[in-house]
Amino acid sequence: MHSGEPHQNYQPVRLPAPDYRGDVSVEAAIHGRRSIRDFRNIPLSLQQISQLLWAAQGITEPQEGLRAAPSA
């Protein structure tokens, strides 16, 4: 059973700050989006993991606690 407490050897990971500047507009990203099922056996970097986590649920406005994902 999971008690909700962190594991005794738990060490927090400090993620790099996300990059807020992209080279592709939202419109171009939507237009070019395709699902590709060809995966490589290459681990993601900590920066890539940080960017993915920020895009999925990251804080976009610290004072108000606003997030990248809608709340509704």
PDB file of N, CA and C in Angstrom:
ATOM      1  N   MET A   1       0.826  -1.190   0.000  1.00  0.00           N
ATOM      2  CA  MET A   1       0.000   0.000   0.000  1.00  0.00           C
ATOM      3  C   MET A   1       0.863   1.244   0.000  1.00  0.00           C
ATOM      4  N   HIS A   2       0.409   2.237  -0.676  1.00  0.00           N
ATOM      5  CA  HIS A   2       1.120   3.512  -0.711  1.00  0.00           C
ATOM      6  C   HIS A   2       0.567   4.402   0.401  1.00  0.00           C
ATOM      7  N   SER A   3       1.465   4.826   1.279  1.00  0.00           N
ATOM      8  CA  SER A   3       1.014   5.607   2.438  1.00  0.00           C
ATOM      9  C   SER A   3       0.868   7.093   2.139  1.00  0.00           C
ATOM     10  N   GLY A   4       1.330   7.528   0.977  1.00  0.00           N
ATOM     11  CA  GLY A   4       1.270   8.952   0.660  1.00  0.00           C
ATOM     12  C   GLY A   4       2.498   9.707   1.134  1.00  0.00           C
ATOM     13  N   GLU A   5       3.344   9.026   1.894  1.00  0.00           N
ATOM     14  CA  GLU A   5       4.585   9.643   2.365  1.00  0.00           C
ATOM     15  C   GLU A   5       5.694   9.363   1.363  1.00  0.00           C
ATOM     16  N   PRO A   6       6.620  10.327   1.176  1.00  0.00           N
ATOM     17  CA  PRO A   6       7.738  10.075   0.255  1.00  0.00           C
ATOM     18  C   PRO A   6       8.609   8.922   0.752  1.00  0.00           C
ATOM     19  N   HIS A   7       9.184   8.238  -0.165  1.00  0.00           N
ATOM     20  CA  HIS A   7      10.114   7.163   0.157  1.00  0.00           C
ATOM     21  C   HIS A   7      11.278   7.740   0.950  1.00  0.00           C
ATOM     22  N   GLN A   8      11.823   6.969   1.874  1.00  0.00           N
ATOM     23  CA  GLN A   8      12.879   7.483   2.746  1.00  0.00           C
ATOM     24  C   GLN A   8      14.111   7.946   1.980  1.00  0.00           C
ATOM     25  N   ASN A   9      14.345   7.406   0.786  1.00  0.00           N
ATOM     26  CA  ASN A   9      15.504   7.809  -0.018  1.00  0.00           C
ATOM     27  C   ASN A   9      15.147   8.854  -1.072  1.00  0.00           C
ATOM     28  N   TYR A  10      13.959   9.399  -0.966  1.00  0.00           N
ATOM     29  CA  TYR A  10      13.480  10.385  -1.931  1.00  0.00           C
ATOM     30  C   TYR A  10      14.362  11.631  -1.925  1.00  0.00           C
ATOM     31  N   GLN A  11      14.787  12.032  -3.090  1.00  0.00           N
ATOM     32  CA  GLN A  11      15.542  13.267  -3.251  1.00  0.00           C
ATOM     33  C   GLN A  11      14.839  14.102  -4.317  1.00  0.00           C
ATOM     34  N   PRO A  12      14.416  15.307  -3.987  1.00  0.00           N
ATOM     35  CA  PRO A  12      13.751  16.133  -5.006  1.00  0.00           C
ATOM     36  C   PRO A  12      14.700  16.446  -6.165  1.00  0.00           C
ATOM     37  N   VAL A  13      14.122  16.586  -7.336  1.00  0.00           N
ATOM     38  CA  VAL A  13      14.885  16.929  -8.538  1.00  0.00           C
ATOM     39  C   VAL A  13      14.563  18.367  -8.892  1.00  0.00           C
ATOM     40  N   ARG A  14      15.564  19.190  -8.980  1.00  0.00           N
ATOM     41  CA  ARG A  14      15.383  20.585  -9.373  1.00  0.00           C
ATOM     42  C   ARG A  14      15.411  20.650 -10.890  1.00  0.00           C
ATOM     43  N   LEU A  15      14.259  20.990 -11.489  1.00  0.00           N
ATOM     44  CA  LEU A  15      14.145  21.027 -12.947  1.00  0.00           C
ATOM     45  C   LEU A  15      14.657  22.351 -13.495  1.00  0.00           C
ATOM     46  N   PRO A  16      15.277  22.312 -14.671  1.00  0.00           N
ATOM     47  CA  PRO A  16      15.674  23.560 -15.319  1.00  0.00           C
ATOM     48  C   PRO A  16      14.435  24.386 -15.660  1.00  0.00           C
ATOM     49  N   ALA A  17      14.600  25.675 -15.773  1.00  0.00           N
ATOM     50  CA  ALA A  17      13.488  26.559 -16.161  1.00  0.00           C
ATOM     51  C   ALA A  17      13.050  26.236 -17.584  1.00  0.00           C
ATOM     52  N   PRO A  18      11.743  26.338 -17.870  1.00  0.00           N
ATOM     53  CA  PRO A  18      11.280  26.085 -19.237  1.00  0.00           C
ATOM     54  C   PRO A  18      11.718  27.198 -20.173  1.00  0.00           C
ATOM     55  N   ASP A  19      11.787  26.853 -21.438  1.00  0.00           N
ATOM     56  CA  ASP A  19      12.109  27.833 -22.478  1.00  0.00           C
ATOM     57  C   ASP A  19      10.777  28.379 -22.992  1.00  0.00           C
ATOM     58  N   TYR A  20      10.562  29.668 -22.862  1.00  0.00           N
ATOM     59  CA  TYR A  20       9.298  30.283 -23.286  1.00  0.00           C
ATOM     60  C   TYR A  20       9.320  30.743 -24.741  1.00  0.00           C
ATOM     61  N   ARG A  21      10.441  30.604 -25.395  1.00  0.00           N
ATOM     62  CA  ARG A  21      10.551  31.056 -26.780  1.00  0.00           C
ATOM     63  C   ARG A  21      10.614  29.840 -27.695  1.00  0.00           C
ATOM     64  N   GLY A  22       9.712  29.768 -28.628  1.00  0.00           N
ATOM     65  CA  GLY A  22       9.716  28.670 -29.585  1.00  0.00           C
ATOM     66  C   GLY A  22       9.989  29.176 -30.990  1.00  0.00           C
ATOM     67  N   ASP A  23      10.365  28.259 -31.856  1.00  0.00           N
ATOM     68  CA  ASP A  23      10.643  28.621 -33.246  1.00  0.00           C
ATOM     69  C   ASP A  23       9.435  28.398 -34.153  1.00  0.00           C
ATOM     70  N   VAL A  24       8.346  27.825 -33.601  1.00  0.00           N
ATOM     71  CA  VAL A  24       7.182  27.479 -34.403  1.00  0.00           C
ATOM     72  C   VAL A  24       5.950  28.134 -33.793  1.00  0.00           C
ATOM     73  N   SER A  25       5.109  28.732 -34.629  1.00  0.00           N
ATOM     74  CA  SER A  25       3.865  29.317 -34.132  1.00  0.00           C
ATOM     75  C   SER A  25       2.897  28.197 -33.753  1.00  0.00           C
ATOM     76  N   VAL A  26       1.902  28.529 -32.957  1.00  0.00           N
ATOM     77  CA  VAL A  26       0.877  27.546 -32.589  1.00  0.00           C
ATOM     78  C   VAL A  26       0.195  27.039 -33.850  1.00  0.00           C
ATOM     79  N   GLU A  27      -0.094  27.923 -34.778  1.00  0.00           N
ATOM     80  CA  GLU A  27      -0.774  27.535 -36.017  1.00  0.00           C
ATOM     81  C   GLU A  27       0.070  26.540 -36.827  1.00  0.00           C
ATOM     82  N   ALA A  28       1.356  26.812 -36.949  1.00  0.00           N
ATOM     83  CA  ALA A  28       2.234  25.913 -37.698  1.00  0.00           C
ATOM     84  C   ALA A  28       2.371  24.566 -36.991  1.00  0.00           C
ATOM     85  N   ALA A  29       2.414  24.582 -35.660  1.00  0.00           N
ATOM     86  CA  ALA A  29       2.500  23.329 -34.912  1.00  0.00           C
ATOM     87  C   ALA A  29       1.243  22.485 -35.113  1.00  0.00           C
ATOM     88  N   ILE A  30       0.073  23.118 -35.065  1.00  0.00           N
ATOM     89  CA  ILE A  30      -1.181  22.388 -35.276  1.00  0.00           C
ATOM     90  C   ILE A  30      -1.251  21.854 -36.706  1.00  0.00           C
ATOM     91  N   HIS A  31      -0.900  22.682 -37.658  1.00  0.00           N
ATOM     92  CA  HIS A  31      -0.949  22.283 -39.069  1.00  0.00           C
ATOM     93  C   HIS A  31      -0.007  21.102 -39.354  1.00  0.00           C
ATOM     94  N   GLY A  32       1.153  21.089 -38.735  1.00  0.00           N
ATOM     95  CA  GLY A  32       2.147  20.057 -39.014  1.00  0.00           C
ATOM     96  C   GLY A  32       2.097  18.859 -38.081  1.00  0.00           C
ATOM     97  N   ARG A  33       1.151  18.834 -37.140  1.00  0.00           N
ATOM     98  CA  ARG A  33       1.103  17.751 -36.168  1.00  0.00           C
ATOM     99  C   ARG A  33       0.696  16.425 -36.800  1.00  0.00           C
ATOM    100  N   ARG A  34       1.484  15.402 -36.523  1.00  0.00           N
ATOM    101  CA  ARG A  34       1.193  14.044 -36.985  1.00  0.00           C
ATOM    102  C   ARG A  34       1.557  13.088 -35.867  1.00  0.00           C
ATOM    103  N   SER A  35       0.806  12.010 -35.730  1.00  0.00           N
ATOM    104  CA  SER A  35       1.143  10.961 -34.762  1.00  0.00           C
ATOM    105  C   SER A  35       2.087   9.983 -35.431  1.00  0.00           C
ATOM    106  N   ILE A  36       3.264   9.858 -34.893  1.00  0.00           N
ATOM    107  CA  ILE A  36       4.267   8.948 -35.445  1.00  0.00           C
ATOM    108  C   ILE A  36       4.588   7.911 -34.381  1.00  0.00           C
ATOM    109  N   ARG A  37       4.526   6.664 -34.734  1.00  0.00           N
ATOM    110  CA  ARG A  37       4.783   5.579 -33.790  1.00  0.00           C
ATOM    111  C   ARG A  37       6.149   4.949 -34.065  1.00  0.00           C
ATOM    112  N   ASP A  38       7.162   5.785 -34.204  1.00  0.00           N
ATOM    113  CA  ASP A  38       8.523   5.318 -34.448  1.00  0.00           C
ATOM    114  C   ASP A  38       9.395   5.889 -33.333  1.00  0.00           C
ATOM    115  N   PHE A  39       9.578   5.116 -32.276  1.00  0.00           N
ATOM    116  CA  PHE A  39      10.262   5.601 -31.091  1.00  0.00           C
ATOM    117  C   PHE A  39      11.725   5.192 -31.098  1.00  0.00           C
ATOM    118  N   ARG A  40      12.561   6.041 -30.541  1.00  0.00           N
ATOM    119  CA  ARG A  40      13.986   5.743 -30.400  1.00  0.00           C
ATOM    120  C   ARG A  40      14.279   5.387 -28.953  1.00  0.00           C
ATOM    121  N   ASN A  41      15.256   4.569 -28.742  1.00  0.00           N
ATOM    122  CA  ASN A  41      15.659   4.170 -27.404  1.00  0.00           C
ATOM    123  C   ASN A  41      16.727   5.146 -26.881  1.00  0.00           C
ATOM    124  N   ILE A  42      16.351   6.413 -26.813  1.00  0.00           N
ATOM    125  CA  ILE A  42      17.255   7.465 -26.354  1.00  0.00           C
ATOM    126  C   ILE A  42      16.568   8.172 -25.189  1.00  0.00           C
ATOM    127  N   PRO A  43      17.232   8.245 -24.025  1.00  0.00           N
ATOM    128  CA  PRO A  43      16.590   8.914 -22.885  1.00  0.00           C
ATOM    129  C   PRO A  43      16.416  10.405 -23.126  1.00  0.00           C
ATOM    130  N   LEU A  44      15.364  10.958 -22.544  1.00  0.00           N
ATOM    131  CA  LEU A  44      15.135  12.397 -22.609  1.00  0.00           C
ATOM    132  C   LEU A  44      16.094  13.099 -21.652  1.00  0.00           C
ATOM    133  N   SER A  45      16.496  14.297 -22.014  1.00  0.00           N
ATOM    134  CA  SER A  45      17.331  15.092 -21.121  1.00  0.00           C
ATOM    135  C   SER A  45      16.454  15.699 -20.033  1.00  0.00           C
ATOM    136  N   LEU A  46      17.073  16.147 -18.960  1.00  0.00           N
ATOM    137  CA  LEU A  46      16.331  16.797 -17.888  1.00  0.00           C
ATOM    138  C   LEU A  46      15.638  18.049 -18.421  1.00  0.00           C
ATOM    139  N   GLN A  47      16.271  18.772 -19.340  1.00  0.00           N
ATOM    140  CA  GLN A  47      15.661  19.959 -19.939  1.00  0.00           C
ATOM    141  C   GLN A  47      14.407  19.573 -20.733  1.00  0.00           C
ATOM    142  N   GLN A  48      14.462  18.492 -21.492  1.00  0.00           N
ATOM    143  CA  GLN A  48      13.301  18.044 -22.262  1.00  0.00           C
ATOM    144  C   GLN A  48      12.158  17.612 -21.342  1.00  0.00           C
ATOM    145  N   ILE A  49      12.475  16.904 -20.279  1.00  0.00           N
ATOM    146  CA  ILE A  49      11.456  16.489 -19.319  1.00  0.00           C
ATOM    147  C   ILE A  49      10.827  17.714 -18.662  1.00  0.00           C
ATOM    148  N   SER A  50      11.662  18.675 -18.280  1.00  0.00           N
ATOM    149  CA  SER A  50      11.157  19.904 -17.674  1.00  0.00           C
ATOM    150  C   SER A  50      10.216  20.634 -18.626  1.00  0.00           C
ATOM    151  N   GLN A  51      10.579  20.725 -19.891  1.00  0.00           N
ATOM    152  CA  GLN A  51       9.761  21.422 -20.892  1.00  0.00           C
ATOM    153  C   GLN A  51       8.415  20.711 -21.068  1.00  0.00           C
ATOM    154  N   LEU A  52       8.421  19.392 -21.127  1.00  0.00           N
ATOM    155  CA  LEU A  52       7.177  18.631 -21.269  1.00  0.00           C
ATOM    156  C   LEU A  52       6.266  18.812 -20.061  1.00  0.00           C
ATOM    157  N   LEU A  53       6.839  18.742 -18.876  1.00  0.00           N
ATOM    158  CA  LEU A  53       6.036  18.925 -17.668  1.00  0.00           C
ATOM    159  C   LEU A  53       5.453  20.328 -17.597  1.00  0.00           C
ATOM    160  N   TRP A  54       6.242  21.333 -17.967  1.00  0.00           N
ATOM    161  CA  TRP A  54       5.742  22.711 -17.959  1.00  0.00           C
ATOM    162  C   TRP A  54       4.606  22.866 -18.974  1.00  0.00           C
ATOM    163  N   ALA A  55       4.778  22.317 -20.180  1.00  0.00           N
ATOM    164  CA  ALA A  55       3.745  22.452 -21.214  1.00  0.00           C
ATOM    165  C   ALA A  55       2.447  21.758 -20.795  1.00  0.00           C
ATOM    166  N   ALA A  56       2.545  20.688 -20.035  1.00  0.00           N
ATOM    167  CA  ALA A  56       1.361  19.939 -19.627  1.00  0.00           C
ATOM    168  C   ALA A  56       0.647  20.564 -18.437  1.00  0.00           C
ATOM    169  N   GLN A  57       1.397  21.084 -17.463  1.00  0.00           N
ATOM    170  CA  GLN A  57       0.752  21.565 -16.250  1.00  0.00           C
ATOM    171  C   GLN A  57       1.567  22.659 -15.562  1.00  0.00           C
ATOM    172  N   GLY A  58       2.479  23.285 -16.271  1.00  0.00           N
ATOM    173  CA  GLY A  58       3.363  24.271 -15.659  1.00  0.00           C
ATOM    174  C   GLY A  58       2.673  25.568 -15.278  1.00  0.00           C
ATOM    175  N   ILE A  59       3.285  26.261 -14.348  1.00  0.00           N
ATOM    176  CA  ILE A  59       2.765  27.553 -13.888  1.00  0.00           C
ATOM    177  C   ILE A  59       3.169  28.631 -14.881  1.00  0.00           C
ATOM    178  N   THR A  60       2.176  29.363 -15.380  1.00  0.00           N
ATOM    179  CA  THR A  60       2.437  30.435 -16.345  1.00  0.00           C
ATOM    180  C   THR A  60       2.351  31.815 -15.704  1.00  0.00           C
ATOM    181  N   GLU A  61       1.752  31.890 -14.525  1.00  0.00           N
ATOM    182  CA  GLU A  61       1.613  33.155 -13.800  1.00  0.00           C
ATOM    183  C   GLU A  61       1.769  32.862 -12.315  1.00  0.00           C
ATOM    184  N   PRO A  62       3.004  32.984 -11.781  1.00  0.00           N
ATOM    185  CA  PRO A  62       3.256  32.604 -10.384  1.00  0.00           C
ATOM    186  C   PRO A  62       2.421  33.378  -9.361  1.00  0.00           C
ATOM    187  N   GLN A  63       2.180  34.663  -9.561  1.00  0.00           N
ATOM    188  CA  GLN A  63       1.439  35.451  -8.575  1.00  0.00           C
ATOM    189  C   GLN A  63      -0.003  34.962  -8.435  1.00  0.00           C
ATOM    190  N   GLU A  64      -0.599  34.560  -9.521  1.00  0.00           N
ATOM    191  CA  GLU A  64      -1.995  34.101  -9.502  1.00  0.00           C
ATOM    192  C   GLU A  64      -2.110  32.579  -9.460  1.00  0.00           C
ATOM    193  N   GLY A  65      -0.989  31.884  -9.665  1.00  0.00           N
ATOM    194  CA  GLY A  65      -1.024  30.423  -9.697  1.00  0.00           C
ATOM    195  C   GLY A  65      -1.651  29.852 -10.954  1.00  0.00           C
ATOM    196  N   LEU A  66      -1.661  30.637 -12.034  1.00  0.00           N
ATOM    197  CA  LEU A  66      -2.258  30.167 -13.293  1.00  0.00           C
ATOM    198  C   LEU A  66      -1.363  29.127 -13.947  1.00  0.00           C
ATOM    199  N   ARG A  67      -1.994  28.188 -14.621  1.00  0.00           N
ATOM    200  CA  ARG A  67      -1.262  27.072 -15.212  1.00  0.00           C
ATOM    201  C   ARG A  67      -1.444  27.014 -16.725  1.00  0.00           C
ATOM    202  N   ALA A  68      -0.569  26.226 -17.376  1.00  0.00           N
ATOM    203  CA  ALA A  68      -0.603  26.056 -18.832  1.00  0.00           C
ATOM    204  C   ALA A  68      -1.861  25.308 -19.272  1.00  0.00           C
ATOM    205  N   ALA A  69      -2.375  24.422 -18.431  1.00  0.00           N
ATOM    206  CA  ALA A  69      -3.565  23.641 -18.775  1.00  0.00           C
ATOM    207  C   ALA A  69      -4.808  24.319 -18.225  1.00  0.00           C
ATOM    208  N   PRO A  70      -5.918  24.296 -18.958  1.00  0.00           N
ATOM    209  CA  PRO A  70      -7.155  24.884 -18.426  1.00  0.00           C
ATOM    210  C   PRO A  70      -7.668  24.092 -17.233  1.00  0.00           C
ATOM    211  N   SER A  71      -8.350  24.755 -16.338  1.00  0.00           N
ATOM    212  CA  SER A  71      -8.843  24.114 -15.126  1.00  0.00           C
ATOM    213  C   SER A  71     -10.215  23.470 -15.297  1.00  0.00           C
ATOM    214  N   ALA A  72     -10.935  23.841 -16.310  1.00  0.00           N
ATOM    215  CA  ALA A  72     -12.293  23.316 -16.469  1.00  0.00           C
ATOM    216  C   ALA A  72     -12.283  21.994 -17.074  1.00  0.00           C
TER     217      ALA A  72
END
